[in-house]
């Protein structure tokens, strides 16, 4: 597996408009640690990856799942299921009808 997920880490941070210092304070690490992760010099532990994903409002799959090309379809399925689980029955029925039209 390609452990260089620093670009993903940085991308999510920037997308939310957060600084390295803000993320570091939330995770109880130093801004230098976040910089090292983003630049591929340090790898986050699984515990910190999970916490980072929570801070960013994403799943761990979304954060690191697309590093392996064969994993992308599963990560997409998981992301879809997560969004569908948030819908009420009326919204799910509309989605189902829309999918039937696309086929």
PDB file of N, CA and C in Angstrom:
ATOM      1  N   UNK A   1       0.835  -1.187   0.000  1.00  0.00           N
ATOM      2  CA  UNK A   1       0.000   0.000   0.000  1.00  0.00           C
ATOM      3  C   UNK A   1       0.873   1.242   0.000  1.00  0.00           C
ATOM      4  N   UNK A   2       0.438   2.236  -0.706  1.00  0.00           N
ATOM      5  CA  UNK A   2       1.118   3.518  -0.747  1.00  0.00           C
ATOM      6  C   UNK A   2       0.747   4.303   0.500  1.00  0.00           C
ATOM      7  N   UNK A   3       1.704   4.519   1.386  1.00  0.00           N
ATOM      8  CA  UNK A   3       1.425   5.205   2.646  1.00  0.00           C
ATOM      9  C   UNK A   3       1.458   6.719   2.524  1.00  0.00           C
ATOM     10  N   UNK A   4       1.775   7.249   1.361  1.00  0.00           N
ATOM     11  CA  UNK A   4       1.883   8.691   1.211  1.00  0.00           C
ATOM     12  C   UNK A   4       0.510   9.306   0.964  1.00  0.00           C
ATOM     13  N   UNK A   5      -0.216   9.476   2.029  1.00  0.00           N
ATOM     14  CA  UNK A   5      -1.550  10.081   1.953  1.00  0.00           C
ATOM     15  C   UNK A   5      -1.498  11.549   2.370  1.00  0.00           C
ATOM     16  N   UNK A   6      -0.303  12.110   2.436  1.00  0.00           N
ATOM     17  CA  UNK A   6      -0.136  13.504   2.841  1.00  0.00           C
ATOM     18  C   UNK A   6      -0.904  14.478   1.969  1.00  0.00           C
ATOM     19  N   UNK A   7      -0.931  14.205   0.669  1.00  0.00           N
ATOM     20  CA  UNK A   7      -1.678  15.083  -0.231  1.00  0.00           C
ATOM     21  C   UNK A   7      -3.172  15.072   0.096  1.00  0.00           C
ATOM     22  N   UNK A   8      -3.693  13.895   0.448  1.00  0.00           N
ATOM     23  CA  UNK A   8      -5.101  13.787   0.842  1.00  0.00           C
ATOM     24  C   UNK A   8      -5.364  14.589   2.114  1.00  0.00           C
ATOM     25  N   UNK A   9      -4.473  14.436   3.080  1.00  0.00           N
ATOM     26  CA  UNK A   9      -4.589  15.138   4.355  1.00  0.00           C
ATOM     27  C   UNK A   9      -4.636  16.646   4.105  1.00  0.00           C
ATOM     28  N   UNK A  10      -3.710  17.121   3.316  1.00  0.00           N
ATOM     29  CA  UNK A  10      -3.616  18.553   3.019  1.00  0.00           C
ATOM     30  C   UNK A  10      -4.844  19.033   2.258  1.00  0.00           C
ATOM     31  N   UNK A  11      -5.279  18.253   1.288  1.00  0.00           N
ATOM     32  CA  UNK A  11      -6.428  18.630   0.469  1.00  0.00           C
ATOM     33  C   UNK A  11      -7.689  18.842   1.308  1.00  0.00           C
ATOM     34  N   UNK A  12      -7.970  17.917   2.209  1.00  0.00           N
ATOM     35  CA  UNK A  12      -9.158  18.059   3.059  1.00  0.00           C
ATOM     36  C   UNK A  12      -9.027  19.265   3.990  1.00  0.00           C
ATOM     37  N   UNK A  13      -7.833  19.481   4.524  1.00  0.00           N
ATOM     38  CA  UNK A  13      -7.623  20.616   5.423  1.00  0.00           C
ATOM     39  C   UNK A  13      -7.883  21.928   4.694  1.00  0.00           C
ATOM     40  N   UNK A  14      -7.311  22.053   3.509  1.00  0.00           N
ATOM     41  CA  UNK A  14      -7.466  23.281   2.730  1.00  0.00           C
ATOM     42  C   UNK A  14      -8.920  23.464   2.293  1.00  0.00           C
ATOM     43  N   UNK A  15      -9.562  22.374   1.902  1.00  0.00           N
ATOM     44  CA  UNK A  15     -10.955  22.440   1.468  1.00  0.00           C
ATOM     45  C   UNK A  15     -11.859  23.021   2.563  1.00  0.00           C
ATOM     46  N   UNK A  16     -11.528  22.731   3.813  1.00  0.00           N
ATOM     47  CA  UNK A  16     -12.313  23.260   4.934  1.00  0.00           C
ATOM     48  C   UNK A  16     -11.810  24.614   5.419  1.00  0.00           C
ATOM     49  N   UNK A  17     -10.765  25.128   4.777  1.00  0.00           N
ATOM     50  CA  UNK A  17     -10.241  26.435   5.146  1.00  0.00           C
ATOM     51  C   UNK A  17      -9.542  26.459   6.492  1.00  0.00           C
ATOM     52  N   UNK A  18      -8.945  25.343   6.874  1.00  0.00           N
ATOM     53  CA  UNK A  18      -8.262  25.254   8.161  1.00  0.00           C
ATOM     54  C   UNK A  18      -6.757  25.408   7.978  1.00  0.00           C
ATOM     55  N   UNK A  19      -6.109  25.966   8.967  1.00  0.00           N
ATOM     56  CA  UNK A  19      -4.654  26.055   8.959  1.00  0.00           C
ATOM     57  C   UNK A  19      -4.075  24.802   9.613  1.00  0.00           C
ATOM     58  N   UNK A  20      -2.793  24.596   9.391  1.00  0.00           N
ATOM     59  CA  UNK A  20      -2.125  23.486  10.058  1.00  0.00           C
ATOM     60  C   UNK A  20      -2.190  23.654  11.567  1.00  0.00           C
ATOM     61  N   UNK A  21      -2.083  24.879  12.033  1.00  0.00           N
ATOM     62  CA  UNK A  21      -2.143  25.143  13.475  1.00  0.00           C
ATOM     63  C   UNK A  21      -3.505  24.790  14.056  1.00  0.00           C
ATOM     64  N   UNK A  22      -4.572  25.106  13.329  1.00  0.00           N
ATOM     65  CA  UNK A  22      -5.918  24.785  13.812  1.00  0.00           C
ATOM     66  C   UNK A  22      -6.121  23.279  13.910  1.00  0.00           C
ATOM     67  N   UNK A  23      -5.703  22.574  12.886  1.00  0.00           N
ATOM     68  CA  UNK A  23      -5.841  21.114  12.888  1.00  0.00           C
ATOM     69  C   UNK A  23      -4.978  20.516  13.994  1.00  0.00           C
ATOM     70  N   UNK A  24      -3.771  21.012  14.124  1.00  0.00           N
ATOM     71  CA  UNK A  24      -2.857  20.499  15.153  1.00  0.00           C
ATOM     72  C   UNK A  24      -3.450  20.697  16.545  1.00  0.00           C
ATOM     73  N   UNK A  25      -4.024  21.868  16.796  1.00  0.00           N
ATOM     74  CA  UNK A  25      -4.621  22.125  18.108  1.00  0.00           C
ATOM     75  C   UNK A  25      -5.771  21.169  18.381  1.00  0.00           C
ATOM     76  N   UNK A  26      -6.585  20.907  17.377  1.00  0.00           N
ATOM     77  CA  UNK A  26      -7.724  19.992  17.530  1.00  0.00           C
ATOM     78  C   UNK A  26      -7.260  18.566  17.801  1.00  0.00           C
ATOM     79  N   UNK A  27      -6.127  18.189  17.207  1.00  0.00           N
ATOM     80  CA  UNK A  27      -5.633  16.821  17.344  1.00  0.00           C
ATOM     81  C   UNK A  27      -4.625  16.664  18.482  1.00  0.00           C
ATOM     82  N   UNK A  28      -4.284  17.765  19.133  1.00  0.00           N
ATOM     83  CA  UNK A  28      -3.314  17.757  20.229  1.00  0.00           C
ATOM     84  C   UNK A  28      -1.936  17.282  19.750  1.00  0.00           C
ATOM     85  N   UNK A  29      -1.529  17.822  18.586  1.00  0.00           N
ATOM     86  CA  UNK A  29      -0.191  17.584  18.047  1.00  0.00           C
ATOM     87  C   UNK A  29       0.380  18.955  17.663  1.00  0.00           C
ATOM     88  N   UNK A  30       1.601  18.981  17.196  1.00  0.00           N
ATOM     89  CA  UNK A  30       2.210  20.250  16.806  1.00  0.00           C
ATOM     90  C   UNK A  30       1.907  20.556  15.336  1.00  0.00           C
ATOM     91  N   UNK A  31       1.915  21.838  14.962  1.00  0.00           N
ATOM     92  CA  UNK A  31       1.763  22.183  13.546  1.00  0.00           C
ATOM     93  C   UNK A  31       2.871  21.548  12.693  1.00  0.00           C
ATOM     94  N   UNK A  32       4.073  21.410  13.272  1.00  0.00           N
ATOM     95  CA  UNK A  32       5.164  20.764  12.546  1.00  0.00           C
ATOM     96  C   UNK A  32       4.845  19.316  12.207  1.00  0.00           C
ATOM     97  N   UNK A  33       4.138  18.637  13.103  1.00  0.00           N
ATOM     98  CA  UNK A  33       3.723  17.252  12.848  1.00  0.00           C
ATOM     99  C   UNK A  33       2.783  17.208  11.643  1.00  0.00           C
ATOM    100  N   UNK A  34       1.800  18.115  11.615  1.00  0.00           N
ATOM    101  CA  UNK A  34       0.852  18.162  10.493  1.00  0.00           C
ATOM    102  C   UNK A  34       1.608  18.457   9.199  1.00  0.00           C
ATOM    103  N   UNK A  35       2.552  19.384   9.247  1.00  0.00           N
ATOM    104  CA  UNK A  35       3.368  19.699   8.073  1.00  0.00           C
ATOM    105  C   UNK A  35       4.130  18.469   7.597  1.00  0.00           C
ATOM    106  N   UNK A  36       4.730  17.749   8.531  1.00  0.00           N
ATOM    107  CA  UNK A  36       5.486  16.543   8.161  1.00  0.00           C
ATOM    108  C   UNK A  36       4.591  15.490   7.536  1.00  0.00           C
ATOM    109  N   UNK A  37       3.375  15.335   8.043  1.00  0.00           N
ATOM    110  CA  UNK A  37       2.432  14.374   7.460  1.00  0.00           C
ATOM    111  C   UNK A  37       2.072  14.808   6.038  1.00  0.00           C
ATOM    112  N   UNK A  38       1.724  16.076   5.891  1.00  0.00           N
ATOM    113  CA  UNK A  38       1.314  16.568   4.573  1.00  0.00           C
ATOM    114  C   UNK A  38       2.429  16.473   3.540  1.00  0.00           C
ATOM    115  N   UNK A  39       3.667  16.551   3.988  1.00  0.00           N
ATOM    116  CA  UNK A  39       4.806  16.477   3.071  1.00  0.00           C
ATOM    117  C   UNK A  39       5.388  15.066   2.942  1.00  0.00           C
ATOM    118  N   UNK A  40       4.721  14.082   3.552  1.00  0.00           N
ATOM    119  CA  UNK A  40       5.132  12.694   3.403  1.00  0.00           C
ATOM    120  C   UNK A  40       6.334  12.289   4.226  1.00  0.00           C
ATOM    121  N   UNK A  41       6.711  13.106   5.196  1.00  0.00           N
ATOM    122  CA  UNK A  41       7.868  12.773   6.029  1.00  0.00           C
ATOM    123  C   UNK A  41       7.483  11.952   7.255  1.00  0.00           C
ATOM    124  N   UNK A  42       6.212  11.991   7.626  1.00  0.00           N
ATOM    125  CA  UNK A  42       5.712  11.279   8.795  1.00  0.00           C
ATOM    126  C   UNK A  42       4.381  10.643   8.438  1.00  0.00           C
ATOM    127  N   UNK A  43       4.138   9.448   8.957  1.00  0.00           N
ATOM    128  CA  UNK A  43       2.852   8.780   8.754  1.00  0.00           C
ATOM    129  C   UNK A  43       2.042   8.862  10.041  1.00  0.00           C
ATOM    130  N   UNK A  44       0.747   9.148   9.900  1.00  0.00           N
ATOM    131  CA  UNK A  44      -0.136   9.182  11.072  1.00  0.00           C
ATOM    132  C   UNK A  44      -0.440   7.766  11.529  1.00  0.00           C
ATOM    133  N   UNK A  45      -0.602   7.615  12.821  1.00  0.00           N
ATOM    134  CA  UNK A  45      -1.058   6.331  13.351  1.00  0.00           C
ATOM    135  C   UNK A  45      -2.521   6.142  12.950  1.00  0.00           C
ATOM    136  N   UNK A  46      -3.002   4.936  13.049  1.00  0.00           N
ATOM    137  CA  UNK A  46      -4.398   4.665  12.723  1.00  0.00           C
ATOM    138  C   UNK A  46      -5.325   5.486  13.613  1.00  0.00           C
ATOM    139  N   UNK A  47      -4.991   5.602  14.880  1.00  0.00           N
ATOM    140  CA  UNK A  47      -5.812   6.386  15.814  1.00  0.00           C
ATOM    141  C   UNK A  47      -5.932   7.834  15.346  1.00  0.00           C
ATOM    142  N   UNK A  48      -4.802   8.430  14.941  1.00  0.00           N
ATOM    143  CA  UNK A  48      -4.835   9.818  14.480  1.00  0.00           C
ATOM    144  C   UNK A  48      -5.535   9.952  13.135  1.00  0.00           C
ATOM    145  N   UNK A  49      -5.378   8.964  12.258  1.00  0.00           N
ATOM    146  CA  UNK A  49      -6.096   8.998  10.978  1.00  0.00           C
ATOM    147  C   UNK A  49      -7.605   8.991  11.201  1.00  0.00           C
ATOM    148  N   UNK A  50      -8.056   8.152  12.112  1.00  0.00           N
ATOM    149  CA  UNK A  50      -9.485   8.082  12.415  1.00  0.00           C
ATOM    150  C   UNK A  50      -9.961   9.414  12.985  1.00  0.00           C
ATOM    151  N   UNK A  51      -9.186   9.981  13.889  1.00  0.00           N
ATOM    152  CA  UNK A  51      -9.554  11.262  14.490  1.00  0.00           C
ATOM    153  C   UNK A  51      -9.548  12.366  13.439  1.00  0.00           C
ATOM    154  N   UNK A  52      -8.557  12.367  12.556  1.00  0.00           N
ATOM    155  CA  UNK A  52      -8.483  13.362  11.484  1.00  0.00           C
ATOM    156  C   UNK A  52      -9.716  13.267  10.592  1.00  0.00           C
ATOM    157  N   UNK A  53     -10.096  12.052  10.233  1.00  0.00           N
ATOM    158  CA  UNK A  53     -11.282  11.866   9.392  1.00  0.00           C
ATOM    159  C   UNK A  53     -12.525  12.433  10.079  1.00  0.00           C
ATOM    160  N   UNK A  54     -12.650  12.200  11.388  1.00  0.00           N
ATOM    161  CA  UNK A  54     -13.788  12.746  12.140  1.00  0.00           C
ATOM    162  C   UNK A  54     -13.782  14.263  12.102  1.00  0.00           C
ATOM    163  N   UNK A  55     -12.628  14.861  12.305  1.00  0.00           N
ATOM    164  CA  UNK A  55     -12.516  16.320  12.275  1.00  0.00           C
ATOM    165  C   UNK A  55     -12.943  16.860  10.914  1.00  0.00           C
ATOM    166  N   UNK A  56     -12.562  16.167   9.860  1.00  0.00           N
ATOM    167  CA  UNK A  56     -12.865  16.610   8.502  1.00  0.00           C
ATOM    168  C   UNK A  56     -14.300  16.267   8.080  1.00  0.00           C
ATOM    169  N   UNK A  57     -14.990  15.472   8.892  1.00  0.00           N
ATOM    170  CA  UNK A  57     -16.363  15.094   8.564  1.00  0.00           C
ATOM    171  C   UNK A  57     -16.451  14.072   7.449  1.00  0.00           C
ATOM    172  N   UNK A  58     -15.457  13.197   7.370  1.00  0.00           N
ATOM    173  CA  UNK A  58     -15.414  12.173   6.325  1.00  0.00           C
ATOM    174  C   UNK A  58     -15.145  10.821   6.975  1.00  0.00           C
ATOM    175  N   UNK A  59     -15.255   9.774   6.189  1.00  0.00           N
ATOM    176  CA  UNK A  59     -14.927   8.446   6.681  1.00  0.00           C
ATOM    177  C   UNK A  59     -13.446   8.172   6.433  1.00  0.00           C
ATOM    178  N   UNK A  60     -12.938   7.196   7.123  1.00  0.00           N
ATOM    179  CA  UNK A  60     -11.555   6.784   6.894  1.00  0.00           C
ATOM    180  C   UNK A  60     -11.387   6.283   5.463  1.00  0.00           C
ATOM    181  N   UNK A  61     -12.417   5.627   4.928  1.00  0.00           N
ATOM    182  CA  UNK A  61     -12.386   5.190   3.528  1.00  0.00           C
ATOM    183  C   UNK A  61     -12.173   6.364   2.589  1.00  0.00           C
ATOM    184  N   UNK A  62     -12.908   7.434   2.835  1.00  0.00           N
ATOM    185  CA  UNK A  62     -12.778   8.606   1.972  1.00  0.00           C
ATOM    186  C   UNK A  62     -11.379   9.207   2.068  1.00  0.00           C
ATOM    187  N   UNK A  63     -10.798   9.150   3.244  1.00  0.00           N
ATOM    188  CA  UNK A  63      -9.491   9.752   3.454  1.00  0.00           C
ATOM    189  C   UNK A  63      -8.376   8.956   2.796  1.00  0.00           C
ATOM    190  N   UNK A  64      -8.336   7.662   3.018  1.00  0.00           N
ATOM    191  CA  UNK A  64      -7.209   6.872   2.515  1.00  0.00           C
ATOM    192  C   UNK A  64      -7.619   5.758   1.559  1.00  0.00           C
ATOM    193  N   UNK A  65      -8.898   5.515   1.395  1.00  0.00           N
ATOM    194  CA  UNK A  65      -9.349   4.400   0.577  1.00  0.00           C
ATOM    195  C   UNK A  65      -8.962   4.493  -0.878  1.00  0.00           C
ATOM    196  N   UNK A  66      -8.858   5.711  -1.405  1.00  0.00           N
ATOM    197  CA  UNK A  66      -8.571   5.814  -2.827  1.00  0.00           C
ATOM    198  C   UNK A  66      -7.080   5.740  -3.145  1.00  0.00           C
ATOM    199  N   UNK A  67      -6.255   5.392  -2.174  1.00  0.00           N
ATOM    200  CA  UNK A  67      -4.838   5.224  -2.444  1.00  0.00           C
ATOM    201  C   UNK A  67      -4.566   3.957  -3.246  1.00  0.00           C
ATOM    202  N   UNK A  68      -5.415   2.979  -3.087  1.00  0.00           N
ATOM    203  CA  UNK A  68      -5.278   1.731  -3.837  1.00  0.00           C
ATOM    204  C   UNK A  68      -6.314   1.744  -4.963  1.00  0.00           C
ATOM    205  N   UNK A  69      -5.885   1.707  -6.220  1.00  0.00           N
ATOM    206  CA  UNK A  69      -6.833   1.791  -7.335  1.00  0.00           C
ATOM    207  C   UNK A  69      -7.953   0.754  -7.281  1.00  0.00           C
ATOM    208  N   UNK A  70      -7.653  -0.470  -6.841  1.00  0.00           N
ATOM    209  CA  UNK A  70      -8.680  -1.504  -6.777  1.00  0.00           C
ATOM    210  C   UNK A  70      -9.690  -1.247  -5.669  1.00  0.00           C
ATOM    211  N   UNK A  71      -9.369  -0.369  -4.744  1.00  0.00           N
ATOM    212  CA  UNK A  71     -10.241  -0.098  -3.604  1.00  0.00           C
ATOM    213  C   UNK A  71     -11.272   0.985  -3.911  1.00  0.00           C
ATOM    214  N   UNK A  72     -11.032   1.781  -4.930  1.00  0.00           N
ATOM    215  CA  UNK A  72     -11.897   2.922  -5.231  1.00  0.00           C
ATOM    216  C   UNK A  72     -13.371   2.544  -5.348  1.00  0.00           C
ATOM    217  N   UNK A  73     -13.743   1.463  -6.063  1.00  0.00           N
ATOM    218  CA  UNK A  73     -15.170   1.132  -6.150  1.00  0.00           C
ATOM    219  C   UNK A  73     -15.807   0.856  -4.791  1.00  0.00           C
ATOM    220  N   UNK A  74     -15.093   0.186  -3.914  1.00  0.00           N
ATOM    221  CA  UNK A  74     -15.622  -0.105  -2.587  1.00  0.00           C
ATOM    222  C   UNK A  74     -15.791   1.186  -1.792  1.00  0.00           C
ATOM    223  N   UNK A  75     -14.823   2.080  -1.882  1.00  0.00           N
ATOM    224  CA  UNK A  75     -14.913   3.362  -1.183  1.00  0.00           C
ATOM    225  C   UNK A  75     -16.103   4.158  -1.700  1.00  0.00           C
ATOM    226  N   UNK A  76     -16.346   4.111  -3.009  1.00  0.00           N
ATOM    227  CA  UNK A  76     -17.486   4.810  -3.596  1.00  0.00           C
ATOM    228  C   UNK A  76     -18.791   4.203  -3.091  1.00  0.00           C
ATOM    229  N   UNK A  77     -18.862   2.885  -3.065  1.00  0.00           N
ATOM    230  CA  UNK A  77     -20.056   2.216  -2.532  1.00  0.00           C
ATOM    231  C   UNK A  77     -20.304   2.623  -1.085  1.00  0.00           C
ATOM    232  N   UNK A  78     -19.249   2.653  -0.285  1.00  0.00           N
ATOM    233  CA  UNK A  78     -19.391   3.032   1.119  1.00  0.00           C
ATOM    234  C   UNK A  78     -19.850   4.474   1.270  1.00  0.00           C
ATOM    235  N   UNK A  79     -19.316   5.360   0.445  1.00  0.00           N
ATOM    236  CA  UNK A  79     -19.721   6.772   0.500  1.00  0.00           C
ATOM    237  C   UNK A  79     -21.195   6.923   0.110  1.00  0.00           C
ATOM    238  N   UNK A  80     -21.618   6.187  -0.919  1.00  0.00           N
ATOM    239  CA  UNK A  80     -23.028   6.231  -1.330  1.00  0.00           C
ATOM    240  C   UNK A  80     -23.940   5.710  -0.227  1.00  0.00           C
ATOM    241  N   UNK A  81     -23.562   4.597   0.366  1.00  0.00           N
ATOM    242  CA  UNK A  81     -24.382   4.029   1.440  1.00  0.00           C
ATOM    243  C   UNK A  81     -24.477   4.975   2.634  1.00  0.00           C
ATOM    244  N   UNK A  82     -23.394   5.663   2.933  1.00  0.00           N
ATOM    245  CA  UNK A  82     -23.404   6.613   4.053  1.00  0.00           C
ATOM    246  C   UNK A  82     -24.377   7.745   3.777  1.00  0.00           C
ATOM    247  N   UNK A  83     -24.396   8.236   2.543  1.00  0.00           N
ATOM    248  CA  UNK A  83     -25.312   9.326   2.202  1.00  0.00           C
ATOM    249  C   UNK A  83     -26.764   8.843   2.171  1.00  0.00           C
ATOM    250  N   UNK A  84     -26.982   7.663   1.626  1.00  0.00           N
ATOM    251  CA  UNK A  84     -28.334   7.114   1.562  1.00  0.00           C
ATOM    252  C   UNK A  84     -28.884   6.871   2.961  1.00  0.00           C
ATOM    253  N   UNK A  85     -28.037   6.454   3.877  1.00  0.00           N
ATOM    254  CA  UNK A  85     -28.506   6.186   5.237  1.00  0.00           C
ATOM    255  C   UNK A  85     -29.005   7.445   5.939  1.00  0.00           C
ATOM    256  N   UNK A  86     -28.614   8.602   5.448  1.00  0.00           N
ATOM    257  CA  UNK A  86     -29.050   9.873   6.033  1.00  0.00           C
ATOM    258  C   UNK A  86     -30.412  10.327   5.493  1.00  0.00           C
ATOM    259  N   UNK A  87     -30.893   9.665   4.448  1.00  0.00           N
ATOM    260  CA  UNK A  87     -32.146  10.074   3.802  1.00  0.00           C
ATOM    261  C   UNK A  87     -33.358   9.483   4.507  1.00  0.00           C
ATOM    262  N   UNK A  88     -34.467  10.202   4.398  1.00  0.00           N
ATOM    263  CA  UNK A  88     -35.723   9.632   4.889  1.00  0.00           C
ATOM    264  C   UNK A  88     -36.313   8.763   3.774  1.00  0.00           C
ATOM    265  N   UNK A  89     -37.389   8.039   4.063  1.00  0.00           N
ATOM    266  CA  UNK A  89     -37.950   7.100   3.089  1.00  0.00           C
ATOM    267  C   UNK A  89     -38.427   7.786   1.816  1.00  0.00           C
ATOM    268  N   UNK A  90     -38.991   8.965   1.937  1.00  0.00           N
ATOM    269  CA  UNK A  90     -39.460   9.695   0.756  1.00  0.00           C
ATOM    270  C   UNK A  90     -38.287  10.033  -0.169  1.00  0.00           C
ATOM    271  N   UNK A  91     -37.190  10.480   0.417  1.00  0.00           N
ATOM    272  CA  UNK A  91     -36.008  10.803  -0.386  1.00  0.00           C
ATOM    273  C   UNK A  91     -35.426   9.543  -1.028  1.00  0.00           C
ATOM    274  N   UNK A  92     -35.440   8.448  -0.305  1.00  0.00           N
ATOM    275  CA  UNK A  92     -34.937   7.184  -0.851  1.00  0.00           C
ATOM    276  C   UNK A  92     -35.784   6.727  -2.027  1.00  0.00           C
ATOM    277  N   UNK A  93     -37.107   6.878  -1.929  1.00  0.00           N
ATOM    278  CA  UNK A  93     -37.993   6.503  -3.033  1.00  0.00           C
ATOM    279  C   UNK A  93     -37.702   7.348  -4.266  1.00  0.00           C
ATOM    280  N   UNK A  94     -37.496   8.641  -4.080  1.00  0.00           N
ATOM    281  CA  UNK A  94     -37.160   9.530  -5.205  1.00  0.00           C
ATOM    282  C   UNK A  94     -35.831   9.122  -5.832  1.00  0.00           C
ATOM    283  N   UNK A  95     -34.863   8.804  -5.001  1.00  0.00           N
ATOM    284  CA  UNK A  95     -33.570   8.369  -5.505  1.00  0.00           C
ATOM    285  C   UNK A  95     -33.706   7.087  -6.315  1.00  0.00           C
ATOM    286  N   UNK A  96     -34.463   6.146  -5.813  1.00  0.00           N
ATOM    287  CA  UNK A  96     -34.667   4.886  -6.518  1.00  0.00           C
ATOM    288  C   UNK A  96     -35.313   5.126  -7.878  1.00  0.00           C
ATOM    289  N   UNK A  97     -36.318   5.976  -7.930  1.00  0.00           N
ATOM    290  CA  UNK A  97     -36.963   6.293  -9.210  1.00  0.00           C
ATOM    291  C   UNK A  97     -35.975   6.949 -10.171  1.00  0.00           C
ATOM    292  N   UNK A  98     -35.147   7.824  -9.652  1.00  0.00           N
ATOM    293  CA  UNK A  98     -34.131   8.486 -10.491  1.00  0.00           C
ATOM    294  C   UNK A  98     -33.154   7.482 -11.049  1.00  0.00           C
ATOM    295  N   UNK A  99     -32.716   6.551 -10.226  1.00  0.00           N
ATOM    296  CA  UNK A  99     -31.768   5.527 -10.686  1.00  0.00           C
ATOM    297  C   UNK A  99     -32.408   4.668 -11.771  1.00  0.00           C
ATOM    298  N   UNK A 100     -33.677   4.336 -11.617  1.00  0.00           N
ATOM    299  CA  UNK A 100     -34.364   3.530 -12.635  1.00  0.00           C
ATOM    300  C   UNK A 100     -34.429   4.266 -13.959  1.00  0.00           C
ATOM    301  N   UNK A 101     -34.566   5.575 -13.928  1.00  0.00           N
ATOM    302  CA  UNK A 101     -34.624   6.360 -15.164  1.00  0.00           C
ATOM    303  C   UNK A 101     -33.258   6.336 -15.854  1.00  0.00           C
ATOM    304  N   UNK A 102     -32.175   6.394 -15.080  1.00  0.00           N
ATOM    305  CA  UNK A 102     -30.827   6.407 -15.653  1.00  0.00           C
ATOM    306  C   UNK A 102     -30.445   5.112 -16.336  1.00  0.00           C
ATOM    307  N   UNK A 103     -31.027   4.004 -15.911  1.00  0.00           N
ATOM    308  CA  UNK A 103     -30.641   2.693 -16.464  1.00  0.00           C
ATOM    309  C   UNK A 103     -31.031   2.564 -17.870  1.00  0.00           C
TER     310      UNK A 103
END
